[in-house]
């Protein structure tokens, strides 16, 4: 099994150019917003835990709670499993989030092995954790593992921004978007990065909320 990743801006540029060859309607978008960044992180238990903690929170709130968790030394499976409910709650974790991070710790995922698994195998492994859905698993694939063919069809910004290259008048459903973008493979990660960048550009240049 050959696993394709994007490890450099040069590779990302190559993938964008290949994507534009497949879907020329990305060309004006790329001219408009420029090159996206890779936004890579180191992955592992701590990164996935941080993603869980930040779910459905503002950036500021998530950052504040995460800072308290780090200060309390609760960023390893062992420390999470040793902490009682009161300790986790004192750092700002709800009862539900406490359950999620405990589930992550209990699953004892070998994060190094994830690098050798297919995209779907990684998603299956991560979504076995209570509180980790497909979107979170796809973000791990894209930003922690650097996988080259990830399009998060459940992401609102992706669905809205994809209307431009697909020339749609209505926001597609995740299922419709999955079908309509098959031709973008194996460069869908480049498409995701461009679509997110375009979504942000439109929001900052229009008074009309998306």
Protein backbone atom coordinates (compact mmCIF):
# COMPACT_ATOMS: atom_id res chain seq x y z
CA UNK A 1 0.00 0.00 0.00
CA UNK A 2 1.41 3.36 -1.05
CA UNK A 3 0.60 6.18 1.36
CA UNK A 4 0.76 9.63 -0.20
CA UNK A 5 1.60 12.58 2.04
CA UNK A 6 2.35 16.27 1.70
CA UNK A 7 5.54 17.02 3.61
CA UNK A 8 6.59 20.35 2.12
CA UNK A 9 5.24 23.51 0.54
CA UNK A 10 6.88 22.41 -2.71
CA UNK A 11 4.84 19.20 -2.70
CA UNK A 12 1.71 21.16 -1.87
CA UNK A 13 2.41 23.44 -4.83
CA UNK A 14 2.76 20.41 -7.10
CA UNK A 15 -0.55 19.04 -5.84
CA UNK A 16 -2.31 22.38 -6.37
CA UNK A 17 -1.05 22.52 -9.94
CA UNK A 18 -2.21 18.94 -10.54
CA UNK A 19 -5.58 19.76 -8.98
CA UNK A 20 -6.01 22.76 -11.28
CA UNK A 21 -5.25 20.53 -14.27
CA UNK A 22 -8.11 18.26 -13.17
CA UNK A 23 -10.41 21.08 -12.11
CA UNK A 24 -9.48 24.35 -13.89
CA UNK A 25 -12.08 26.28 -11.89
CA UNK A 26 -9.64 26.21 -8.97
CA UNK A 27 -7.29 28.47 -10.95
CA UNK A 28 -9.07 31.79 -10.29
CA UNK A 29 -9.53 30.83 -6.65
CA UNK A 30 -5.80 30.14 -6.33
CA UNK A 31 -4.98 33.44 -8.03
CA UNK A 32 -7.31 35.20 -5.62
CA UNK A 33 -6.16 33.75 -2.29
CA UNK A 34 -2.61 32.57 -2.99
CA UNK A 35 -0.88 29.52 -1.55
CA UNK A 36 -2.21 28.01 1.68
CA UNK A 37 0.06 26.94 4.53
CA UNK A 38 0.50 23.31 5.54
CA UNK A 39 -0.68 23.91 9.13
CA UNK A 40 1.07 20.72 10.24
CA UNK A 41 1.31 19.61 13.85
CA UNK A 42 3.22 16.80 15.55
CA UNK A 43 0.17 14.67 16.32
CA UNK A 44 0.07 12.04 19.05
CA UNK A 45 -2.03 11.70 22.19
CA UNK A 46 -1.63 15.30 23.27
CA UNK A 47 -2.70 16.73 19.92
CA UNK A 48 -5.80 14.54 19.67
CA UNK A 49 -6.71 15.30 23.27
CA UNK A 50 -6.42 19.00 22.52
CA UNK A 51 -8.77 18.56 19.55
CA UNK A 52 -11.32 16.84 21.79
CA UNK A 53 -11.05 19.52 24.47
CA UNK A 54 -11.62 22.26 21.89
CA UNK A 55 -14.73 20.76 20.30
CA UNK A 56 -17.69 23.21 20.15
CA UNK A 57 -15.74 25.89 22.01
CA UNK A 58 -14.48 29.27 20.90
CA UNK A 59 -10.77 29.51 20.17
CA UNK A 60 -10.27 31.65 23.28
CA UNK A 61 -12.17 29.29 25.58
CA UNK A 62 -10.44 26.21 24.20
CA UNK A 63 -7.02 27.84 24.57
CA UNK A 64 -7.75 28.84 28.16
CA UNK A 65 -8.89 25.37 29.20
CA UNK A 66 -6.00 23.70 27.41
CA UNK A 67 -3.54 25.96 29.18
CA UNK A 68 -4.96 24.88 32.53
CA UNK A 69 -4.74 21.22 31.51
CA UNK A 70 -1.09 21.64 30.52
CA UNK A 71 -0.28 23.47 33.75
CA UNK A 72 -1.91 20.64 35.71
CA UNK A 73 0.21 18.05 33.89
CA UNK A 74 -2.81 16.21 32.46
CA UNK A 75 -1.57 15.61 28.91
CA UNK A 76 -0.64 11.90 29.04
CA UNK A 77 -2.86 8.80 29.15
CA UNK A 78 -1.47 7.92 32.57
CA UNK A 79 -2.20 11.31 34.10
CA UNK A 80 -5.71 11.44 32.64
CA UNK A 81 -6.59 7.97 33.94
CA UNK A 82 -5.20 8.83 37.38
CA UNK A 83 -7.23 12.03 37.66
CA UNK A 84 -10.64 12.00 39.33
CA UNK A 85 -13.71 13.84 38.07
CA UNK A 86 -13.14 16.78 40.39
CA UNK A 87 -9.59 17.28 39.12
CA UNK A 88 -10.69 17.26 35.49
CA UNK A 89 -13.63 19.54 36.22
CA UNK A 90 -11.32 21.98 37.98
CA UNK A 91 -9.44 22.47 34.68
CA UNK A 92 -12.67 23.37 32.87
CA UNK A 93 -13.67 20.00 31.44
CA UNK A 94 -17.37 19.18 31.42
CA UNK A 95 -18.59 15.74 32.49
CA UNK A 96 -18.93 14.83 28.82
CA UNK A 97 -15.45 16.05 27.86
CA UNK A 98 -13.99 14.20 30.84
CA UNK A 99 -15.60 11.02 29.52
CA UNK A 100 -14.13 11.69 26.08
CA UNK A 101 -10.55 12.24 27.24
CA UNK A 102 -10.75 9.17 29.47
CA UNK A 103 -11.93 7.12 26.50
CA UNK A 104 -8.94 8.38 24.52
CA UNK A 105 -6.56 7.42 27.31
CA UNK A 106 -8.15 3.98 27.73
CA UNK A 107 -7.80 3.13 24.05
CA UNK A 108 -4.00 3.40 24.33
CA UNK A 109 -3.57 4.15 20.63
CA UNK A 110 -0.17 3.49 19.10
CA UNK A 111 0.13 6.82 17.29
CA UNK A 112 3.35 5.82 15.57
CA UNK A 113 1.60 2.89 13.90
CA UNK A 114 -1.07 5.21 12.47
CA UNK A 115 1.53 6.43 9.98
CA UNK A 116 1.51 2.99 8.34
CA UNK A 117 -2.28 2.60 8.11
CA UNK A 118 -4.58 3.58 5.28
CA UNK A 119 -6.77 6.66 5.68
CA UNK A 120 -9.86 4.58 6.43
CA UNK A 121 -7.97 2.41 8.92
CA UNK A 122 -6.81 5.54 10.75
CA UNK A 123 -10.38 6.87 10.80
CA UNK A 124 -11.67 3.55 12.14
CA UNK A 125 -9.03 3.52 14.89
CA UNK A 126 -9.63 7.10 15.99
CA UNK A 127 -13.42 7.06 15.83
CA UNK A 128 -13.45 4.06 18.17
CA UNK A 129 -12.74 6.66 20.86
CA UNK A 130 -15.90 8.12 22.42
CA UNK A 131 -16.12 11.75 21.33
CA UNK A 132 -14.00 11.42 18.20
CA UNK A 133 -16.08 11.70 15.04
CA UNK A 134 -15.06 11.37 11.42
CA UNK A 135 -14.34 15.11 11.07
CA UNK A 136 -11.86 15.05 13.97
CA UNK A 137 -10.22 11.94 12.53
CA UNK A 138 -9.93 13.60 9.13
CA UNK A 139 -8.30 16.66 10.70
CA UNK A 140 -5.76 14.31 12.28
CA UNK A 141 -5.14 12.68 8.90
CA UNK A 142 -4.61 16.03 7.22
CA UNK A 143 -2.73 18.07 9.79
CA UNK A 144 -0.94 15.45 11.91
CA UNK A 145 -0.20 12.77 9.31
CA UNK A 146 -0.06 15.00 6.25
CA UNK A 147 -2.22 12.70 4.13
CA UNK A 148 -2.66 13.94 0.57
CA UNK A 149 -6.24 12.97 -0.28
CA UNK A 150 -8.50 14.20 2.52
CA UNK A 151 -11.63 16.27 1.89
CA UNK A 152 -13.73 16.88 5.01
CA UNK A 153 -17.17 16.87 3.40
CA UNK A 154 -18.90 17.44 6.76
CA UNK A 155 -17.04 20.72 7.26
CA UNK A 156 -19.34 23.72 6.73
CA UNK A 157 -16.60 25.95 5.30
CA UNK A 158 -15.60 23.25 2.80
CA UNK A 159 -19.21 22.77 1.69
CA UNK A 160 -19.79 26.49 1.24
CA UNK A 161 -16.51 27.22 -0.51
CA UNK A 162 -16.80 24.18 -2.81
CA UNK A 163 -19.84 25.79 -4.42
CA UNK A 164 -17.44 28.04 -6.35
CA UNK A 165 -15.33 25.49 -8.26
CA UNK A 166 -18.32 23.17 -8.62
CA UNK A 167 -20.50 26.06 -9.87
CA UNK A 168 -23.36 25.19 -7.53
CA UNK A 169 -26.17 27.53 -6.52
CA UNK A 170 -27.01 25.63 -3.34
CA UNK A 171 -24.81 24.24 -0.60
CA UNK A 172 -24.20 20.53 -1.27
CA UNK A 173 -24.89 17.85 1.30
CA UNK A 174 -21.85 15.90 2.52
CA UNK A 175 -22.94 12.93 0.41
CA UNK A 176 -23.35 15.09 -2.71
CA UNK A 177 -19.98 16.72 -2.13
CA UNK A 178 -18.30 13.33 -1.70
CA UNK A 179 -19.67 12.25 -5.08
CA UNK A 180 -18.97 15.50 -6.91
CA UNK A 181 -15.33 15.69 -5.79
CA UNK A 182 -14.20 12.17 -6.58
CA UNK A 183 -12.46 13.52 -9.66
CA UNK A 184 -10.26 15.72 -7.43
CA UNK A 185 -8.58 12.62 -6.02
CA UNK A 186 -5.72 12.08 -5.18
CA UNK A 187 -5.26 15.81 -4.51
CA UNK A 188 -8.20 16.49 -2.21
CA UNK A 189 -6.04 17.71 0.68
CA UNK A 190 -4.76 20.50 -1.54
CA UNK A 191 -8.38 21.23 -2.40
CA UNK A 192 -9.32 21.34 1.30
CA UNK A 193 -6.56 23.82 2.10
CA UNK A 194 -7.53 26.05 -0.81
CA UNK A 195 -11.22 25.90 0.05
CA UNK A 196 -10.62 26.84 3.69
CA UNK A 197 -8.40 29.72 2.64
CA UNK A 198 -11.01 30.90 0.13
CA UNK A 199 -13.77 30.70 2.73
CA UNK A 200 -11.78 32.92 5.07
CA UNK A 201 -10.98 35.35 2.25
CA UNK A 202 -14.65 35.68 1.29
CA UNK A 203 -15.72 36.21 4.90
CA UNK A 204 -13.15 38.96 5.36
CA UNK A 205 -14.08 40.69 2.11
CA UNK A 206 -17.87 40.66 2.24
CA UNK A 207 -20.52 41.95 4.61
CA UNK A 208 -22.78 39.05 3.76
CA UNK A 209 -22.48 36.18 6.32
CA UNK A 210 -21.91 32.73 4.87
